[in-house]
Amino acid sequence: MSVVKINAITVPKDKQERFEERFKGRAGAVENTPGFEWFELLRPLEGTDQYLVYTRWESEEAYRAWESGQDFARAHEGGGSELAPAASASSHLWSYEVIESAAPDRP
């Protein structure tokens, strides 16, 4: 089964626009990584200042291979001097194994 990695990143209100710009300008290399399945950046709507970065991988090994590679390092350089640092130092990486999933039942 797939694994999901969720990075919960605290971003102060005055830095949120800059943080989102960093992702718009991201390298995009993850999309071509073996074992990569999905990416989403989730913006908080209310009650928190934590963004969630959701990635899904075919296996823990696929994620670890990307994490230890040069593409990971490039993707996390920070967007250059104009955009970094946008987030606080507060982040948490959560790991989950997908045990059940569903998609819309469409013809």
N, C-alpha and C. Protein backbone atom coordinates (compact mmCIF):
# COMPACT_ATOMS: atom_id res chain seq x y z
N MET A 1 0.82 -1.20 0.00
CA MET A 1 0.00 0.00 0.00
C MET A 1 0.85 1.25 0.00
N SER A 2 0.28 2.33 -0.43
CA SER A 2 0.96 3.62 -0.49
C SER A 2 1.24 4.16 0.91
N VAL A 3 2.19 5.11 0.96
CA VAL A 3 2.44 5.85 2.19
C VAL A 3 2.21 7.32 1.91
N VAL A 4 1.77 8.03 2.93
CA VAL A 4 1.50 9.46 2.85
C VAL A 4 2.42 10.17 3.83
N LYS A 5 3.00 11.26 3.36
CA LYS A 5 3.83 12.12 4.19
C LYS A 5 3.14 13.48 4.25
N ILE A 6 2.87 13.95 5.46
CA ILE A 6 2.23 15.25 5.65
C ILE A 6 3.18 16.10 6.48
N ASN A 7 3.62 17.19 5.88
CA ASN A 7 4.47 18.12 6.59
C ASN A 7 3.59 19.28 7.05
N ALA A 8 3.41 19.42 8.37
CA ALA A 8 2.62 20.50 8.95
C ALA A 8 3.58 21.64 9.27
N ILE A 9 3.41 22.76 8.57
CA ILE A 9 4.35 23.87 8.67
C ILE A 9 3.62 25.11 9.18
N THR A 10 4.09 25.65 10.29
CA THR A 10 3.52 26.88 10.84
C THR A 10 4.03 28.07 10.04
N VAL A 11 3.08 28.86 9.53
CA VAL A 11 3.43 30.04 8.73
C VAL A 11 2.65 31.23 9.30
N PRO A 12 3.36 32.22 9.84
CA PRO A 12 2.66 33.40 10.36
C PRO A 12 1.85 34.09 9.27
N LYS A 13 0.75 34.72 9.65
CA LYS A 13 -0.16 35.36 8.68
C LYS A 13 0.57 36.29 7.72
N ASP A 14 1.51 37.07 8.22
CA ASP A 14 2.19 38.05 7.38
C ASP A 14 3.19 37.41 6.40
N LYS A 15 3.42 36.10 6.50
CA LYS A 15 4.35 35.40 5.61
C LYS A 15 3.65 34.40 4.69
N GLN A 16 2.33 34.26 4.83
CA GLN A 16 1.62 33.22 4.08
C GLN A 16 1.68 33.43 2.57
N GLU A 17 1.53 34.66 2.11
CA GLU A 17 1.57 34.91 0.67
C GLU A 17 2.95 34.54 0.11
N ARG A 18 3.99 34.90 0.81
CA ARG A 18 5.34 34.58 0.37
C ARG A 18 5.57 33.07 0.38
N PHE A 19 5.05 32.38 1.40
CA PHE A 19 5.17 30.93 1.49
C PHE A 19 4.52 30.26 0.28
N GLU A 20 3.32 30.70 -0.08
CA GLU A 20 2.63 30.14 -1.23
C GLU A 20 3.40 30.41 -2.52
N GLU A 21 4.02 31.57 -2.64
CA GLU A 21 4.83 31.87 -3.82
C GLU A 21 6.00 30.91 -3.95
N ARG A 22 6.57 30.50 -2.83
CA ARG A 22 7.67 29.53 -2.87
C ARG A 22 7.22 28.25 -3.55
N PHE A 23 6.00 27.80 -3.24
CA PHE A 23 5.51 26.56 -3.83
C PHE A 23 5.15 26.74 -5.29
N LYS A 24 4.65 27.90 -5.67
CA LYS A 24 4.36 28.15 -7.08
C LYS A 24 5.63 28.09 -7.91
N GLY A 25 6.74 28.49 -7.33
CA GLY A 25 8.00 28.50 -8.04
C GLY A 25 8.87 27.28 -7.76
N ARG A 26 8.29 26.25 -7.16
CA ARG A 26 9.08 25.07 -6.79
C ARG A 26 9.62 24.37 -8.03
N ALA A 27 10.65 23.62 -7.80
CA ALA A 27 11.35 22.97 -8.92
C ALA A 27 10.46 22.02 -9.70
N GLY A 28 9.50 21.35 -9.05
CA GLY A 28 8.61 20.43 -9.74
C GLY A 28 9.22 19.07 -10.03
N ALA A 29 10.43 18.85 -9.58
CA ALA A 29 11.11 17.58 -9.87
C ALA A 29 10.43 16.39 -9.23
N VAL A 30 9.69 16.62 -8.17
CA VAL A 30 9.07 15.48 -7.48
C VAL A 30 8.11 14.73 -8.40
N GLU A 31 7.48 15.43 -9.33
CA GLU A 31 6.52 14.80 -10.23
C GLU A 31 7.13 13.71 -11.10
N ASN A 32 8.42 13.79 -11.33
CA ASN A 32 9.10 12.80 -12.16
C ASN A 32 9.88 11.77 -11.35
N THR A 33 9.69 11.77 -10.05
CA THR A 33 10.41 10.87 -9.17
C THR A 33 9.76 9.49 -9.17
N PRO A 34 10.54 8.44 -9.35
CA PRO A 34 9.97 7.09 -9.28
C PRO A 34 9.26 6.86 -7.94
N GLY A 35 8.04 6.36 -8.01
CA GLY A 35 7.27 6.07 -6.82
C GLY A 35 6.40 7.20 -6.32
N PHE A 36 6.54 8.40 -6.91
CA PHE A 36 5.71 9.54 -6.52
C PHE A 36 4.29 9.35 -7.05
N GLU A 37 3.29 9.64 -6.22
CA GLU A 37 1.90 9.49 -6.66
C GLU A 37 1.09 10.79 -6.61
N TRP A 38 1.35 11.67 -5.63
CA TRP A 38 0.46 12.82 -5.49
C TRP A 38 1.11 13.90 -4.64
N PHE A 39 0.77 15.17 -4.91
CA PHE A 39 1.19 16.32 -4.11
C PHE A 39 0.01 17.27 -3.95
N GLU A 40 -0.14 17.82 -2.75
CA GLU A 40 -1.10 18.90 -2.52
C GLU A 40 -0.54 19.83 -1.45
N LEU A 41 -0.72 21.13 -1.66
CA LEU A 41 -0.43 22.13 -0.64
C LEU A 41 -1.76 22.61 -0.12
N LEU A 42 -2.00 22.45 1.18
CA LEU A 42 -3.28 22.79 1.77
C LEU A 42 -3.15 24.06 2.62
N ARG A 43 -3.94 25.08 2.27
CA ARG A 43 -3.96 26.36 2.99
C ARG A 43 -4.97 26.30 4.13
N PRO A 44 -4.59 26.78 5.32
CA PRO A 44 -5.56 26.79 6.42
C PRO A 44 -6.65 27.83 6.16
N LEU A 45 -7.87 27.47 6.53
CA LEU A 45 -8.98 28.41 6.36
C LEU A 45 -9.32 29.14 7.65
N GLU A 46 -9.25 28.43 8.76
CA GLU A 46 -9.57 29.07 10.03
C GLU A 46 -9.02 28.24 11.19
N GLY A 47 -8.72 28.93 12.29
CA GLY A 47 -8.35 28.24 13.51
C GLY A 47 -6.91 27.77 13.62
N THR A 48 -6.10 27.97 12.56
CA THR A 48 -4.70 27.54 12.62
C THR A 48 -3.88 28.33 11.62
N ASP A 49 -2.59 28.35 11.84
CA ASP A 49 -1.68 28.96 10.88
C ASP A 49 -0.74 27.90 10.31
N GLN A 50 -1.19 26.64 10.33
CA GLN A 50 -0.40 25.54 9.80
C GLN A 50 -0.86 25.16 8.40
N TYR A 51 0.07 25.21 7.46
CA TYR A 51 -0.15 24.67 6.14
C TYR A 51 0.19 23.18 6.19
N LEU A 52 -0.45 22.41 5.33
CA LEU A 52 -0.13 20.99 5.21
C LEU A 52 0.39 20.72 3.81
N VAL A 53 1.55 20.09 3.74
CA VAL A 53 2.12 19.66 2.47
C VAL A 53 1.93 18.16 2.42
N TYR A 54 1.07 17.70 1.51
CA TYR A 54 0.66 16.30 1.41
C TYR A 54 1.35 15.67 0.20
N THR A 55 2.10 14.62 0.45
CA THR A 55 2.63 13.83 -0.67
C THR A 55 2.29 12.37 -0.44
N ARG A 56 2.09 11.68 -1.55
CA ARG A 56 1.75 10.25 -1.49
C ARG A 56 2.76 9.49 -2.35
N TRP A 57 3.23 8.37 -1.83
CA TRP A 57 4.29 7.58 -2.45
C TRP A 57 3.88 6.12 -2.52
N GLU A 58 4.39 5.39 -3.51
CA GLU A 58 4.04 3.98 -3.64
C GLU A 58 4.64 3.14 -2.52
N SER A 59 5.70 3.65 -1.86
CA SER A 59 6.32 2.90 -0.76
C SER A 59 7.17 3.85 0.08
N GLU A 60 7.50 3.42 1.27
CA GLU A 60 8.42 4.16 2.13
C GLU A 60 9.78 4.28 1.45
N GLU A 61 10.19 3.23 0.76
CA GLU A 61 11.48 3.22 0.09
C GLU A 61 11.53 4.29 -1.01
N ALA A 62 10.44 4.47 -1.75
CA ALA A 62 10.40 5.50 -2.79
C ALA A 62 10.55 6.88 -2.17
N TYR A 63 9.85 7.12 -1.07
CA TYR A 63 9.97 8.42 -0.39
C TYR A 63 11.40 8.63 0.10
N ARG A 64 11.98 7.64 0.74
CA ARG A 64 13.34 7.76 1.29
C ARG A 64 14.36 8.01 0.17
N ALA A 65 14.17 7.38 -0.97
CA ALA A 65 15.08 7.59 -2.10
C ALA A 65 15.01 9.05 -2.55
N TRP A 66 13.80 9.61 -2.64
CA TRP A 66 13.65 11.01 -3.02
C TRP A 66 14.23 11.93 -1.95
N GLU A 67 13.94 11.62 -0.69
CA GLU A 67 14.39 12.45 0.42
C GLU A 67 15.93 12.53 0.48
N SER A 68 16.60 11.47 0.10
CA SER A 68 18.06 11.46 0.18
C SER A 68 18.73 11.94 -1.10
N GLY A 69 17.93 12.32 -2.10
CA GLY A 69 18.49 12.72 -3.39
C GLY A 69 18.66 14.21 -3.57
N GLN A 70 19.28 14.57 -4.67
CA GLN A 70 19.53 15.97 -4.99
C GLN A 70 18.26 16.75 -5.29
N ASP A 71 17.25 16.09 -5.86
CA ASP A 71 16.00 16.78 -6.16
C ASP A 71 15.33 17.28 -4.89
N PHE A 72 15.40 16.51 -3.82
CA PHE A 72 14.84 16.93 -2.53
C PHE A 72 15.58 18.18 -2.05
N ALA A 73 16.89 18.15 -2.09
CA ALA A 73 17.68 19.29 -1.64
C ALA A 73 17.34 20.55 -2.44
N ARG A 74 17.22 20.41 -3.77
CA ARG A 74 16.87 21.56 -4.61
C ARG A 74 15.46 22.07 -4.29
N ALA A 75 14.54 21.16 -4.05
CA ALA A 75 13.16 21.55 -3.77
C ALA A 75 13.03 22.27 -2.44
N HIS A 76 13.99 22.08 -1.55
CA HIS A 76 13.91 22.67 -0.22
C HIS A 76 14.94 23.77 0.01
N GLU A 77 15.47 24.33 -1.07
CA GLU A 77 16.44 25.42 -0.94
C GLU A 77 15.83 26.69 -0.39
N GLY A 78 14.53 26.87 -0.51
CA GLY A 78 13.88 28.02 0.08
C GLY A 78 13.42 29.09 -0.88
N GLY A 79 13.54 28.87 -2.18
CA GLY A 79 12.97 29.81 -3.13
C GLY A 79 13.83 31.04 -3.37
N GLY A 80 15.07 31.03 -2.96
CA GLY A 80 15.95 32.16 -3.19
C GLY A 80 15.80 33.23 -2.13
N SER A 81 16.61 34.24 -2.22
CA SER A 81 16.66 35.26 -1.17
C SER A 81 15.39 36.09 -1.08
N GLU A 82 14.66 36.25 -2.19
CA GLU A 82 13.45 37.04 -2.15
C GLU A 82 12.29 36.34 -1.46
N LEU A 83 12.25 35.02 -1.51
CA LEU A 83 11.11 34.29 -0.97
C LEU A 83 11.41 33.60 0.35
N ALA A 84 12.63 33.37 0.69
CA ALA A 84 12.96 32.63 1.91
C ALA A 84 13.53 33.58 2.94
N PRO A 85 13.39 33.32 4.22
CA PRO A 85 12.53 32.26 4.74
C PRO A 85 11.11 32.75 4.91
N ALA A 86 10.15 31.97 4.55
CA ALA A 86 8.75 32.35 4.68
C ALA A 86 8.11 31.67 5.88
N ALA A 87 8.49 30.43 6.15
CA ALA A 87 7.89 29.68 7.24
C ALA A 87 8.73 29.82 8.49
N SER A 88 8.09 29.57 9.61
CA SER A 88 8.85 29.54 10.86
C SER A 88 9.62 28.23 10.91
N ALA A 89 10.40 28.08 11.94
CA ALA A 89 11.17 26.84 12.09
C ALA A 89 10.30 25.69 12.58
N SER A 90 9.03 25.95 12.81
CA SER A 90 8.13 24.94 13.35
C SER A 90 7.48 24.12 12.24
N SER A 91 7.87 22.86 12.16
CA SER A 91 7.21 21.95 11.22
C SER A 91 7.27 20.54 11.79
N HIS A 92 6.33 19.73 11.37
CA HIS A 92 6.24 18.35 11.82
C HIS A 92 5.97 17.47 10.62
N LEU A 93 6.70 16.38 10.49
CA LEU A 93 6.46 15.44 9.41
C LEU A 93 5.71 14.24 9.97
N TRP A 94 4.51 14.03 9.44
CA TRP A 94 3.69 12.90 9.85
C TRP A 94 3.72 11.86 8.75
N SER A 95 3.77 10.59 9.12
CA SER A 95 3.80 9.49 8.16
C SER A 95 2.62 8.57 8.41
N TYR A 96 1.96 8.18 7.31
CA TYR A 96 0.81 7.30 7.39
C TYR A 96 0.90 6.25 6.30
N GLU A 97 0.34 5.10 6.57
CA GLU A 97 0.19 4.07 5.56
C GLU A 97 -1.26 4.06 5.12
N VAL A 98 -1.49 4.05 3.83
CA VAL A 98 -2.86 4.01 3.30
C VAL A 98 -3.36 2.58 3.43
N ILE A 99 -4.43 2.41 4.18
CA ILE A 99 -5.01 1.07 4.33
C ILE A 99 -6.34 0.93 3.60
N GLU A 100 -6.91 2.07 3.20
CA GLU A 100 -8.14 2.04 2.42
C GLU A 100 -8.28 3.38 1.72
N SER A 101 -8.76 3.37 0.50
CA SER A 101 -9.01 4.61 -0.22
C SER A 101 -10.17 4.40 -1.18
N ALA A 102 -10.74 5.50 -1.64
CA ALA A 102 -11.86 5.43 -2.57
C ALA A 102 -11.78 6.61 -3.52
N ALA A 103 -12.31 6.44 -4.68
CA ALA A 103 -12.43 7.50 -5.68
C ALA A 103 -13.87 7.55 -6.14
N PRO A 104 -14.29 8.65 -6.76
CA PRO A 104 -15.66 8.70 -7.24
C PRO A 104 -15.96 7.55 -8.21
N ASP A 105 -17.14 7.01 -8.12
CA ASP A 105 -17.58 5.94 -9.01
C ASP A 105 -18.27 6.57 -10.20
N ARG A 106 -17.48 6.79 -11.26
CA ARG A 106 -18.02 7.43 -12.47
C ARG A 106 -17.82 6.53 -13.67
N PRO A 107 -18.77 6.58 -14.58
CA PRO A 107 -18.65 5.74 -15.79
C PRO A 107 -17.51 6.16 -16.69
